[in-house]
Amino acid sequence: MSVPVHLPHPSTPARVGQGTAIEQSRAQAEVYFRLLAAKELPRDEAAATEAMRAACSNLRLAEKAFYSVPKGGDRAIGPSVHLARELARIWTNLDYGVVELRRDDDYHQSEMQAFALDLQTNTRPSSLWIQPHKMDTKRGVKHLTEVQAIYESNSNAGARRVRECIFNILPQAFVEEAQDICRATIERGNGEPISERRTKAIAAFEKTFGVVEQQLVDRLRRPVDRWDEHDVADLQVLFQSLKRGEVQKDVEFPAAAVVVTPGELTAPAKAEPEVPADEDEDARLQEQLDMEAELAAQGAADDDARTES
């Protein structure tokens, strides 16, 4: 009776290194002691709320607190992973992360997991998914083979999922108040007049992305002098999303289509300018002379070659 032999998958490591084994044991022990520490030093929710209000009143955080992406012909705006991480830090006794559980180069995919852990309540929402090693481009799907490109693709997908895991742990009222304060902070700015903020927004888009004023006017559907605090705040959110690569410039600011009027479609084709008969004749004669000179030069070269031989 033969015993079946189960060979490891080619992409599965044949052994676990000593460093990996030590790190696994250390991580397990660390989580255990952090759970004990959280029980002995529970979070102060009142202090965390005050810290959140102070942090969200900072313009630097508020400008990164939201993302803006196209969705079904409209726009989806929500709290970003930057806000999630800051709120997790303030809330205390909360752990989170993204792990690549396994990479399969044969099938060009990675098995990923994102999680968040409340060390006090032992609540742990997580997300497990398969991340293909490919990305969508204007020319179709592009397969990723470089290690850095695969890492960045996995990290981007993981950031979105760990954000949701964190927000599934934090109290909803805590998160909603943080978003309200961040929006008010963006609209208020640094106390600058709205005219200066409009000018800075236009200059930033043109310098960073080559987007000119008229494109912003077309997007907001109102002239610059009618932009209010909400309009400038929306532009700031979009600016940050473009910088982070969450949206593409060509999608947000498509090139203007060439408009052809009905009159242009039915208008007769423009006639080529007429060349006077004498000028046309001179041109033909000059072309003939040039051709004869070229043939004569080629014949002389052939005669010299025969003489030398």
C-alpha atoms as a PDB file:
ATOM      1  CA  MET A   1       0.000   0.000   0.000  1.00  0.00           C
ATOM      2  CA  SER A   2       1.510   3.275  -1.091  1.00  0.00           C
ATOM      3  CA  VAL A   3       1.323   6.348   1.104  1.00  0.00           C
ATOM      4  CA  PRO A   4       0.462   9.570  -0.753  1.00  0.00           C
ATOM      5  CA  VAL A   5       3.078  12.252  -0.524  1.00  0.00           C
ATOM      6  CA  HIS A   6       1.862  15.839  -0.306  1.00  0.00           C
ATOM      7  CA  LEU A   7       4.415  18.151  -1.823  1.00  0.00           C
ATOM      8  CA  PRO A   8       4.388  21.838  -0.887  1.00  0.00           C
ATOM      9  CA  HIS A   9       3.207  24.335  -3.437  1.00  0.00           C
ATOM     10  CA  PRO A  10       6.144  25.887  -5.329  1.00  0.00           C
ATOM     11  CA  SER A  11       5.248  29.318  -3.918  1.00  0.00           C
ATOM     12  CA  THR A  12       5.043  28.006  -0.339  1.00  0.00           C
ATOM     13  CA  PRO A  13       8.285  28.347   1.644  1.00  0.00           C
ATOM     14  CA  ALA A  14       9.835  24.924   2.277  1.00  0.00           C
ATOM     15  CA  ARG A  15      10.901  25.953   5.768  1.00  0.00           C
ATOM     16  CA  VAL A  16      10.381  28.689   8.333  1.00  0.00           C
ATOM     17  CA  GLY A  17      13.537  30.626   9.114  1.00  0.00           C
ATOM     18  CA  GLN A  18      14.763  31.083  12.654  1.00  0.00           C
ATOM     19  CA  GLY A  19      14.121  34.833  12.521  1.00  0.00           C
ATOM     20  CA  THR A  20      10.530  34.280  11.373  1.00  0.00           C
ATOM     21  CA  ALA A  21       9.868  31.732  14.115  1.00  0.00           C
ATOM     22  CA  ILE A  22      11.238  34.071  16.767  1.00  0.00           C
ATOM     23  CA  GLU A  23       9.160  36.965  15.439  1.00  0.00           C
ATOM     24  CA  GLN A  24       5.985  34.860  15.506  1.00  0.00           C
ATOM     25  CA  SER A  25       6.573  33.921  19.151  1.00  0.00           C
ATOM     26  CA  ARG A  26       7.437  37.504  20.066  1.00  0.00           C
ATOM     27  CA  ALA A  27       4.291  38.856  18.368  1.00  0.00           C
ATOM     28  CA  GLN A  28       2.069  36.405  20.253  1.00  0.00           C
ATOM     29  CA  ALA A  29       3.644  37.345  23.569  1.00  0.00           C
ATOM     30  CA  GLU A  30       3.390  41.061  22.768  1.00  0.00           C
ATOM     31  CA  VAL A  31      -0.328  40.861  22.027  1.00  0.00           C
ATOM     32  CA  TYR A  32      -0.928  38.959  25.277  1.00  0.00           C
ATOM     33  CA  PHE A  33       0.893  41.532  27.411  1.00  0.00           C
ATOM     34  CA  ARG A  34      -0.780  44.422  25.607  1.00  0.00           C
ATOM     35  CA  LEU A  35      -4.153  42.899  26.432  1.00  0.00           C
ATOM     36  CA  LEU A  36      -3.150  42.757  30.103  1.00  0.00           C
ATOM     37  CA  ALA A  37      -1.855  46.343  30.015  1.00  0.00           C
ATOM     38  CA  ALA A  38      -5.107  47.568  28.464  1.00  0.00           C
ATOM     39  CA  LYS A  39      -7.082  45.985  31.300  1.00  0.00           C
ATOM     40  CA  GLU A  40      -4.920  47.721  33.908  1.00  0.00           C
ATOM     41  CA  LEU A  41      -4.778  51.074  32.070  1.00  0.00           C
ATOM     42  CA  PRO A  42      -8.179  51.523  30.388  1.00  0.00           C
ATOM     43  CA  ARG A  43      -8.737  54.459  28.054  1.00  0.00           C
ATOM     44  CA  ASP A  44     -10.129  57.753  29.265  1.00  0.00           C
ATOM     45  CA  GLU A  45     -12.915  58.403  26.760  1.00  0.00           C
ATOM     46  CA  ALA A  46     -13.438  61.998  27.894  1.00  0.00           C
ATOM     47  CA  ALA A  47      -9.750  62.792  27.461  1.00  0.00           C
ATOM     48  CA  ALA A  48      -9.748  61.020  24.083  1.00  0.00           C
ATOM     49  CA  THR A  49     -12.682  63.173  22.924  1.00  0.00           C
ATOM     50  CA  GLU A  50     -10.901  66.375  23.908  1.00  0.00           C
ATOM     51  CA  ALA A  51      -7.737  65.230  22.173  1.00  0.00           C
ATOM     52  CA  MET A  52      -9.759  64.421  19.037  1.00  0.00           C
ATOM     53  CA  ARG A  53     -11.307  67.888  18.987  1.00  0.00           C
ATOM     54  CA  ALA A  54      -7.909  69.524  19.278  1.00  0.00           C
ATOM     55  CA  ALA A  55      -6.357  67.332  16.567  1.00  0.00           C
ATOM     56  CA  CYS A  56      -9.202  67.832  14.091  1.00  0.00           C
ATOM     57  CA  SER A  57      -8.982  71.588  14.553  1.00  0.00           C
ATOM     58  CA  ASN A  58      -5.503  71.419  13.023  1.00  0.00           C
ATOM     59  CA  LEU A  59      -5.631  72.326   9.328  1.00  0.00           C
ATOM     60  CA  ARG A  60      -2.831  69.916   8.363  1.00  0.00           C
ATOM     61  CA  LEU A  61      -4.834  66.922   9.594  1.00  0.00           C
ATOM     62  CA  ALA A  62      -8.145  68.263   8.306  1.00  0.00           C
ATOM     63  CA  GLU A  63      -6.799  68.635   4.760  1.00  0.00           C
ATOM     64  CA  LYS A  64      -5.921  64.910   4.723  1.00  0.00           C
ATOM     65  CA  ALA A  65      -9.023  63.743   6.574  1.00  0.00           C
ATOM     66  CA  PHE A  66     -11.181  62.976   3.506  1.00  0.00           C
ATOM     67  CA  TYR A  67     -10.946  61.168   0.193  1.00  0.00           C
ATOM     68  CA  SER A  68     -12.911  61.898  -2.961  1.00  0.00           C
ATOM     69  CA  VAL A  69     -13.417  59.297  -5.716  1.00  0.00           C
ATOM     70  CA  PRO A  70     -15.848  58.959  -8.648  1.00  0.00           C
ATOM     71  CA  LYS A  71     -18.696  56.511  -8.101  1.00  0.00           C
ATOM     72  CA  GLY A  72     -21.547  55.740 -10.488  1.00  0.00           C
ATOM     73  CA  GLY A  73     -21.440  59.079 -12.269  1.00  0.00           C
ATOM     74  CA  ASP A  74     -21.318  60.929  -8.947  1.00  0.00           C
ATOM     75  CA  ARG A  75     -18.677  61.430  -6.257  1.00  0.00           C
ATOM     76  CA  ALA A  76     -18.092  59.519  -3.031  1.00  0.00           C
ATOM     77  CA  ILE A  77     -16.494  61.528  -0.205  1.00  0.00           C
ATOM     78  CA  GLY A  78     -15.584  59.868   3.075  1.00  0.00           C
ATOM     79  CA  PRO A  79     -13.085  59.796   5.937  1.00  0.00           C
ATOM     80  CA  SER A  80      -9.590  58.802   4.837  1.00  0.00           C
ATOM     81  CA  VAL A  81      -7.158  56.278   6.275  1.00  0.00           C
ATOM     82  CA  HIS A  82      -5.113  59.220   7.615  1.00  0.00           C
ATOM     83  CA  LEU A  83      -8.028  60.274   9.822  1.00  0.00           C
ATOM     84  CA  ALA A  84      -8.630  56.651  10.847  1.00  0.00           C
ATOM     85  CA  ARG A  85      -5.034  56.201  12.019  1.00  0.00           C
ATOM     86  CA  GLU A  86      -5.047  59.471  13.941  1.00  0.00           C
ATOM     87  CA  LEU A  87      -8.317  58.619  15.690  1.00  0.00           C
ATOM     88  CA  ALA A  88      -6.996  55.146  16.524  1.00  0.00           C
ATOM     89  CA  ARG A  89      -3.942  56.726  18.159  1.00  0.00           C
ATOM     90  CA  ILE A  90      -6.100  59.119  20.161  1.00  0.00           C
ATOM     91  CA  TRP A  91      -8.597  56.443  21.215  1.00  0.00           C
ATOM     92  CA  THR A  92      -5.703  54.359  22.697  1.00  0.00           C
ATOM     93  CA  ASN A  93      -5.553  50.629  23.403  1.00  0.00           C
ATOM     94  CA  LEU A  94      -6.229  49.854  19.760  1.00  0.00           C
ATOM     95  CA  ASP A  95      -4.032  47.860  17.384  1.00  0.00           C
ATOM     96  CA  TYR A  96      -4.357  47.521  13.603  1.00  0.00           C
ATOM     97  CA  GLY A  97      -2.392  46.393  10.587  1.00  0.00           C
ATOM     98  CA  VAL A  98      -2.191  44.726   7.169  1.00  0.00           C
ATOM     99  CA  VAL A  99      -0.537  41.340   6.629  1.00  0.00           C
ATOM    100  CA  GLU A 100       0.406  39.514   3.434  1.00  0.00           C
ATOM    101  CA  LEU A 101      -0.380  35.948   4.457  1.00  0.00           C
ATOM    102  CA  ARG A 102       0.854  34.324   1.271  1.00  0.00           C
ATOM    103  CA  ARG A 103       2.154  35.330  -2.146  1.00  0.00           C
ATOM    104  CA  ASP A 104       1.432  33.052  -5.095  1.00  0.00           C
ATOM    105  CA  ASP A 105       3.603  33.966  -8.071  1.00  0.00           C
ATOM    106  CA  ASP A 106       2.138  31.154 -10.187  1.00  0.00           C
ATOM    107  CA  TYR A 107      -1.370  32.607  -9.982  1.00  0.00           C
ATOM    108  CA  HIS A 108      -0.101  36.211  -9.702  1.00  0.00           C
ATOM    109  CA  GLN A 109      -1.949  37.050  -6.504  1.00  0.00           C
ATOM    110  CA  SER A 110      -1.460  37.636  -2.773  1.00  0.00           C
ATOM    111  CA  GLU A 111      -3.619  36.493   0.117  1.00  0.00           C
ATOM    112  CA  MET A 112      -4.037  39.536   2.351  1.00  0.00           C
ATOM    113  CA  GLN A 113      -5.575  40.320   5.722  1.00  0.00           C
ATOM    114  CA  ALA A 114      -6.395  43.657   7.354  1.00  0.00           C
ATOM    115  CA  PHE A 115      -7.486  43.870  10.983  1.00  0.00           C
ATOM    116  CA  ALA A 116      -8.108  46.156  13.930  1.00  0.00           C
ATOM    117  CA  LEU A 117      -8.089  44.997  17.546  1.00  0.00           C
ATOM    118  CA  ASP A 118      -9.612  46.743  20.559  1.00  0.00           C
ATOM    119  CA  LEU A 119      -7.333  45.538  23.345  1.00  0.00           C
ATOM    120  CA  GLN A 120      -9.885  46.389  26.040  1.00  0.00           C
ATOM    121  CA  THR A 121     -12.974  44.703  24.654  1.00  0.00           C
ATOM    122  CA  ASN A 122     -11.110  42.082  22.562  1.00  0.00           C
ATOM    123  CA  THR A 123     -13.164  43.150  19.526  1.00  0.00           C
ATOM    124  CA  ARG A 124     -11.371  42.319  16.292  1.00  0.00           C
ATOM    125  CA  PRO A 125     -12.965  43.107  12.913  1.00  0.00           C
ATOM    126  CA  SER A 126     -10.875  41.823  10.028  1.00  0.00           C
ATOM    127  CA  SER A 127     -10.948  41.503   6.252  1.00  0.00           C
ATOM    128  CA  LEU A 128      -9.460  38.627   4.242  1.00  0.00           C
ATOM    129  CA  TRP A 129      -9.145  38.938   0.463  1.00  0.00           C
ATOM    130  CA  ILE A 130      -7.193  37.899  -2.622  1.00  0.00           C
ATOM    131  CA  GLN A 131      -5.271  40.760  -4.216  1.00  0.00           C
ATOM    132  CA  PRO A 132      -4.425  40.154  -7.917  1.00  0.00           C
ATOM    133  CA  HIS A 133      -1.016  41.337  -9.103  1.00  0.00           C
ATOM    134  CA  LYS A 134      -2.479  43.627 -11.734  1.00  0.00           C
ATOM    135  CA  MET A 135      -3.853  47.114 -12.195  1.00  0.00           C
ATOM    136  CA  ASP A 136      -6.264  48.847 -14.553  1.00  0.00           C
ATOM    137  CA  THR A 137      -4.786  51.343 -17.003  1.00  0.00           C
ATOM    138  CA  LYS A 138      -6.083  53.289 -20.002  1.00  0.00           C
ATOM    139  CA  ARG A 139      -4.680  50.581 -22.262  1.00  0.00           C
ATOM    140  CA  GLY A 140      -6.308  47.750 -20.335  1.00  0.00           C
ATOM    141  CA  VAL A 141      -5.184  45.496 -17.508  1.00  0.00           C
ATOM    142  CA  LYS A 142      -1.466  45.551 -16.714  1.00  0.00           C
ATOM    143  CA  HIS A 143       0.101  42.585 -14.907  1.00  0.00           C
ATOM    144  CA  LEU A 144       2.570  43.495 -12.178  1.00  0.00           C
ATOM    145  CA  THR A 145       5.855  41.610 -11.981  1.00  0.00           C
ATOM    146  CA  GLU A 146       8.194  43.989 -10.130  1.00  0.00           C
ATOM    147  CA  VAL A 147       8.427  43.480  -6.376  1.00  0.00           C
ATOM    148  CA  GLN A 148       7.978  47.196  -5.621  1.00  0.00           C
ATOM    149  CA  ALA A 149       4.892  47.480  -7.838  1.00  0.00           C
ATOM    150  CA  ILE A 150       3.280  44.461  -6.160  1.00  0.00           C
ATOM    151  CA  TYR A 151       4.090  45.859  -2.720  1.00  0.00           C
ATOM    152  CA  GLU A 152       2.508  49.228  -3.544  1.00  0.00           C
ATOM    153  CA  SER A 153      -0.594  47.577  -4.988  1.00  0.00           C
ATOM    154  CA  ASN A 154      -1.026  45.426  -1.884  1.00  0.00           C
ATOM    155  CA  SER A 155      -0.427  48.404   0.417  1.00  0.00           C
ATOM    156  CA  ASN A 156      -3.006  50.581  -1.342  1.00  0.00           C
ATOM    157  CA  ALA A 157      -5.647  47.858  -1.153  1.00  0.00           C
ATOM    158  CA  GLY A 158      -4.743  47.163   2.468  1.00  0.00           C
ATOM    159  CA  ALA A 159      -5.010  50.821   3.483  1.00  0.00           C
ATOM    160  CA  ARG A 160      -8.640  50.989   2.357  1.00  0.00           C
ATOM    161  CA  ARG A 161      -9.582  47.838   4.243  1.00  0.00           C
ATOM    162  CA  VAL A 162      -7.736  48.652   7.468  1.00  0.00           C
ATOM    163  CA  ARG A 163      -9.525  52.021   7.431  1.00  0.00           C
ATOM    164  CA  GLU A 164     -12.885  50.245   7.497  1.00  0.00           C
ATOM    165  CA  CYS A 165     -11.699  47.911  10.253  1.00  0.00           C
ATOM    166  CA  ILE A 166     -10.694  50.867  12.440  1.00  0.00           C
ATOM    167  CA  PHE A 167     -13.978  52.682  11.856  1.00  0.00           C
ATOM    168  CA  ASN A 168     -15.853  49.466  12.760  1.00  0.00           C
ATOM    169  CA  ILE A 169     -14.277  49.626  16.219  1.00  0.00           C
ATOM    170  CA  LEU A 170     -14.428  53.351  17.000  1.00  0.00           C
ATOM    171  CA  PRO A 171     -17.745  54.715  18.332  1.00  0.00           C
ATOM    172  CA  GLN A 172     -19.833  56.160  15.518  1.00  0.00           C
ATOM    173  CA  ALA A 173     -20.511  59.429  17.363  1.00  0.00           C
ATOM    174  CA  PHE A 174     -16.763  59.849  17.949  1.00  0.00           C
ATOM    175  CA  VAL A 175     -16.016  59.472  14.223  1.00  0.00           C
ATOM    176  CA  GLU A 176     -18.893  61.688  13.077  1.00  0.00           C
ATOM    177  CA  GLU A 177     -17.874  64.523  15.393  1.00  0.00           C
ATOM    178  CA  ALA A 178     -14.295  64.247  14.131  1.00  0.00           C
ATOM    179  CA  GLN A 179     -15.498  64.581  10.529  1.00  0.00           C
ATOM    180  CA  ASP A 180     -17.674  67.591  11.351  1.00  0.00           C
ATOM    181  CA  ILE A 181     -14.764  69.382  13.024  1.00  0.00           C
ATOM    182  CA  CYS A 182     -12.433  68.577  10.113  1.00  0.00           C
ATOM    183  CA  ARG A 183     -14.926  69.971   7.589  1.00  0.00           C
ATOM    184  CA  ALA A 184     -15.335  73.153   9.634  1.00  0.00           C
ATOM    185  CA  THR A 185     -11.548  73.464   9.896  1.00  0.00           C
ATOM    186  CA  ILE A 186     -11.110  73.144   6.119  1.00  0.00           C
ATOM    187  CA  GLU A 187     -13.831  75.705   5.438  1.00  0.00           C
ATOM    188  CA  ARG A 188     -12.343  78.112   7.961  1.00  0.00           C
ATOM    189  CA  GLY A 189      -8.781  77.648   6.709  1.00  0.00           C
ATOM    190  CA  ASN A 190      -6.103  79.652   8.491  1.00  0.00           C
ATOM    191  CA  GLY A 191      -8.335  82.659   8.836  1.00  0.00           C
ATOM    192  CA  GLU A 192      -7.334  83.922   5.391  1.00  0.00           C
ATOM    193  CA  PRO A 193      -9.836  85.879   3.302  1.00  0.00           C
ATOM    194  CA  ILE A 194     -11.756  83.742   0.838  1.00  0.00           C
ATOM    195  CA  SER A 195     -10.210  85.654  -2.074  1.00  0.00           C
ATOM    196  CA  GLU A 196      -6.697  84.599  -1.044  1.00  0.00           C
ATOM    197  CA  ARG A 197      -7.798  80.995  -0.583  1.00  0.00           C
ATOM    198  CA  ARG A 198      -9.281  80.956  -4.089  1.00  0.00           C
ATOM    199  CA  THR A 199      -6.022  82.284  -5.535  1.00  0.00           C
ATOM    200  CA  LYS A 200      -3.937  79.716  -3.648  1.00  0.00           C
ATOM    201  CA  ALA A 201      -6.191  76.860  -4.757  1.00  0.00           C
ATOM    202  CA  ILE A 202      -5.907  77.873  -8.418  1.00  0.00           C
ATOM    203  CA  ALA A 203      -2.121  78.238  -8.159  1.00  0.00           C
ATOM    204  CA  ALA A 204      -1.727  74.863  -6.405  1.00  0.00           C
ATOM    205  CA  PHE A 205      -3.709  72.970  -9.049  1.00  0.00           C
ATOM    206  CA  GLU A 206      -1.822  74.598 -11.911  1.00  0.00           C
ATOM    207  CA  LYS A 207       1.629  74.107 -10.372  1.00  0.00           C
ATOM    208  CA  THR A 208       1.108  70.506  -9.231  1.00  0.00           C
ATOM    209  CA  PHE A 209      -1.171  69.022 -11.897  1.00  0.00           C
ATOM    210  CA  GLY A 210      -1.224  71.523 -14.753  1.00  0.00           C
ATOM    211  CA  VAL A 211      -4.942  72.162 -14.201  1.00  0.00           C
ATOM    212  CA  VAL A 212      -5.798  75.727 -15.240  1.00  0.00           C
ATOM    213  CA  GLU A 213      -8.368  78.081 -13.789  1.00  0.00           C
ATOM    214  CA  GLN A 214     -10.974  77.474 -16.507  1.00  0.00           C
ATOM    215  CA  GLN A 215     -10.991  73.743 -15.756  1.00  0.00           C
ATOM    216  CA  LEU A 216     -11.761  74.451 -12.099  1.00  0.00           C
ATOM    217  CA  VAL A 217     -14.487  76.901 -13.118  1.00  0.00           C
ATOM    218  CA  ASP A 218     -16.041  74.278 -15.391  1.00  0.00           C
ATOM    219  CA  ARG A 219     -15.915  71.718 -12.611  1.00  0.00           C
ATOM    220  CA  LEU A 220     -17.597  73.920  -9.979  1.00  0.00           C
ATOM    221  CA  ARG A 221     -19.927  75.473 -12.590  1.00  0.00           C
ATOM    222  CA  ARG A 222     -19.523  78.985 -11.245  1.00  0.00           C
ATOM    223  CA  PRO A 223     -17.011  81.797 -11.762  1.00  0.00           C
ATOM    224  CA  VAL A 224     -14.115  82.224  -9.361  1.00  0.00           C
ATOM    225  CA  ASP A 225     -15.573  85.266  -7.596  1.00  0.00           C
ATOM    226  CA  ARG A 226     -18.596  83.172  -6.583  1.00  0.00           C
ATOM    227  CA  TRP A 227     -16.628  80.328  -4.978  1.00  0.00           C
ATOM    228  CA  ASP A 228     -17.521  80.051  -1.300  1.00  0.00           C
ATOM    229  CA  GLU A 229     -15.844  78.191   1.581  1.00  0.00           C
ATOM    230  CA  HIS A 230     -17.561  74.929   0.629  1.00  0.00           C
ATOM    231  CA  ASP A 231     -16.252  75.125  -2.931  1.00  0.00           C
ATOM    232  CA  VAL A 232     -12.677  75.772  -1.801  1.00  0.00           C
ATOM    233  CA  ALA A 233     -12.961  72.945   0.733  1.00  0.00           C
ATOM    234  CA  ASP A 234     -14.132  70.540  -1.991  1.00  0.00           C
ATOM    235  CA  LEU A 235     -11.159  71.548  -4.137  1.00  0.00           C
ATOM    236  CA  GLN A 236      -8.792  70.887  -1.240  1.00  0.00           C
ATOM    237  CA  VAL A 237     -10.230  67.401  -0.745  1.00  0.00           C
ATOM    238  CA  LEU A 238      -9.875  66.702  -4.467  1.00  0.00           C
ATOM    239  CA  PHE A 239      -6.314  68.066  -4.460  1.00  0.00           C
ATOM    240  CA  GLN A 240      -5.285  65.646  -1.706  1.00  0.00           C
ATOM    241  CA  SER A 241      -6.980  62.709  -3.453  1.00  0.00           C
ATOM    242  CA  LEU A 242      -5.050  63.509  -6.641  1.00  0.00           C
ATOM    243  CA  LYS A 243      -1.777  63.695  -4.698  1.00  0.00           C
ATOM    244  CA  ARG A 244      -2.419  60.322  -3.060  1.00  0.00           C
ATOM    245  CA  GLY A 245      -3.275  58.746  -6.411  1.00  0.00           C
ATOM    246  CA  GLU A 246      -6.830  57.844  -5.377  1.00  0.00           C
ATOM    247  CA  VAL A 247      -8.159  59.534  -8.515  1.00  0.00           C
ATOM    248  CA  GLN A 248      -6.612  60.389 -11.874  1.00  0.00           C
ATOM    249  CA  LYS A 249      -6.302  63.854 -13.403  1.00  0.00           C
ATOM    250  CA  ASP A 250      -7.593  62.702 -16.816  1.00  0.00           C
ATOM    251  CA  VAL A 251     -10.747  61.352 -15.167  1.00  0.00           C
ATOM    252  CA  GLU A 252     -11.418  64.391 -12.990  1.00  0.00           C
ATOM    253  CA  PHE A 253     -10.521  66.920 -15.688  1.00  0.00           C
ATOM    254  CA  PRO A 254     -11.199  65.307 -19.067  1.00  0.00           C
ATOM    255  CA  ALA A 255      -9.893  67.021 -22.160  1.00  0.00           C
ATOM    256  CA  ALA A 256     -12.419  69.284 -23.838  1.00  0.00           C
ATOM    257  CA  ALA A 257     -14.116  67.662 -26.820  1.00  0.00           C
ATOM    258  CA  VAL A 258     -13.812  69.289 -30.236  1.00  0.00           C
ATOM    259  CA  VAL A 259     -17.212  70.753 -31.072  1.00  0.00           C
ATOM    260  CA  VAL A 260     -18.239  70.751 -34.763  1.00  0.00           C
ATOM    261  CA  THR A 261     -21.205  72.898 -35.702  1.00  0.00           C
ATOM    262  CA  PRO A 262     -23.816  71.755 -38.267  1.00  0.00           C
ATOM    263  CA  GLY A 263     -22.667  74.560 -40.561  1.00  0.00           C
ATOM    264  CA  GLU A 264     -19.114  73.173 -40.562  1.00  0.00           C
ATOM    265  CA  LEU A 265     -20.406  69.712 -41.466  1.00  0.00           C
ATOM    266  CA  THR A 266     -22.353  70.968 -44.505  1.00  0.00           C
ATOM    267  CA  ALA A 267     -19.853  73.620 -45.641  1.00  0.00           C
ATOM    268  CA  PRO A 268     -17.993  72.761 -48.862  1.00  0.00           C
ATOM    269  CA  ALA A 269     -14.353  71.863 -48.556  1.00  0.00           C
ATOM    270  CA  LYS A 270     -11.964  74.750 -48.885  1.00  0.00           C
ATOM    271  CA  ALA A 271     -10.317  74.829 -52.277  1.00  0.00           C
ATOM    272  CA  GLU A 272      -6.545  74.746 -52.447  1.00  0.00           C
ATOM    273  CA  PRO A 273      -5.049  78.088 -53.468  1.00  0.00           C
ATOM    274  CA  GLU A 274      -4.455  78.241 -57.170  1.00  0.00           C
ATOM    275  CA  VAL A 275      -0.861  78.431 -58.377  1.00  0.00           C
ATOM    276  CA  PRO A 276      -0.251  80.712 -61.388  1.00  0.00           C
ATOM    277  CA  ALA A 277       0.481  78.828 -64.590  1.00  0.00           C
ATOM    278  CA  ASP A 278       3.932  80.374 -65.028  1.00  0.00           C
ATOM    279  CA  GLU A 279       4.972  79.516 -61.456  1.00  0.00           C
ATOM    280  CA  ASP A 280       3.689  75.954 -61.892  1.00  0.00           C
ATOM    281  CA  GLU A 281       5.680  75.580 -65.155  1.00  0.00           C
ATOM    282  CA  ASP A 282       8.861  76.935 -63.555  1.00  0.00           C
ATOM    283  CA  ALA A 283       8.546  74.433 -60.740  1.00  0.00           C
ATOM    284  CA  ARG A 284       8.233  71.522 -63.152  1.00  0.00           C
ATOM    285  CA  LEU A 285      11.268  72.651 -65.128  1.00  0.00           C
ATOM    286  CA  GLN A 286      13.367  73.022 -61.988  1.00  0.00           C
ATOM    287  CA  GLU A 287      12.346  69.558 -60.818  1.00  0.00           C
ATOM    288  CA  GLN A 288      13.344  68.086 -64.211  1.00  0.00           C
ATOM    289  CA  LEU A 289      16.726  69.855 -64.129  1.00  0.00           C
ATOM    290  CA  ASP A 290      17.427  68.573 -60.635  1.00  0.00           C
ATOM    291  CA  MET A 291      16.607  65.005 -61.676  1.00  0.00           C
ATOM    292  CA  GLU A 292      18.855  65.208 -64.764  1.00  0.00           C
ATOM    293  CA  ALA A 293      21.731  66.573 -62.660  1.00  0.00           C
ATOM    294  CA  GLU A 294      21.348  63.721 -60.196  1.00  0.00           C
ATOM    295  CA  LEU A 295      21.356  61.108 -62.980  1.00  0.00           C
ATOM    296  CA  ALA A 296      24.424  62.696 -64.590  1.00  0.00           C
ATOM    297  CA  ALA A 297      26.307  62.652 -61.296  1.00  0.00           C
ATOM    298  CA  GLN A 298      25.396  58.993 -60.767  1.00  0.00           C
ATOM    299  CA  GLY A 299      26.569  58.112 -64.314  1.00  0.00           C
ATOM    300  CA  ALA A 300      29.919  59.871 -63.770  1.00  0.00           C
ATOM    301  CA  ALA A 301      30.432  57.949 -60.566  1.00  0.00           C
ATOM    302  CA  ASP A 302      29.772  54.657 -62.364  1.00  0.00           C
ATOM    303  CA  ASP A 303      32.276  55.549 -65.131  1.00  0.00           C
ATOM    304  CA  ASP A 304      34.978  56.320 -62.567  1.00  0.00           C
ATOM    305  CA  ALA A 305      34.328  53.023 -60.857  1.00  0.00           C
ATOM    306  CA  ARG A 306      34.690  51.100 -64.133  1.00  0.00           C
ATOM    307  CA  THR A 307      37.901  52.978 -65.022  1.00  0.00           C
ATOM    308  CA  GLU A 308      39.512  52.090 -61.674  1.00  0.00           C
ATOM    309  CA  SER A 309      38.572  48.461 -62.084  1.00  0.00           C
END
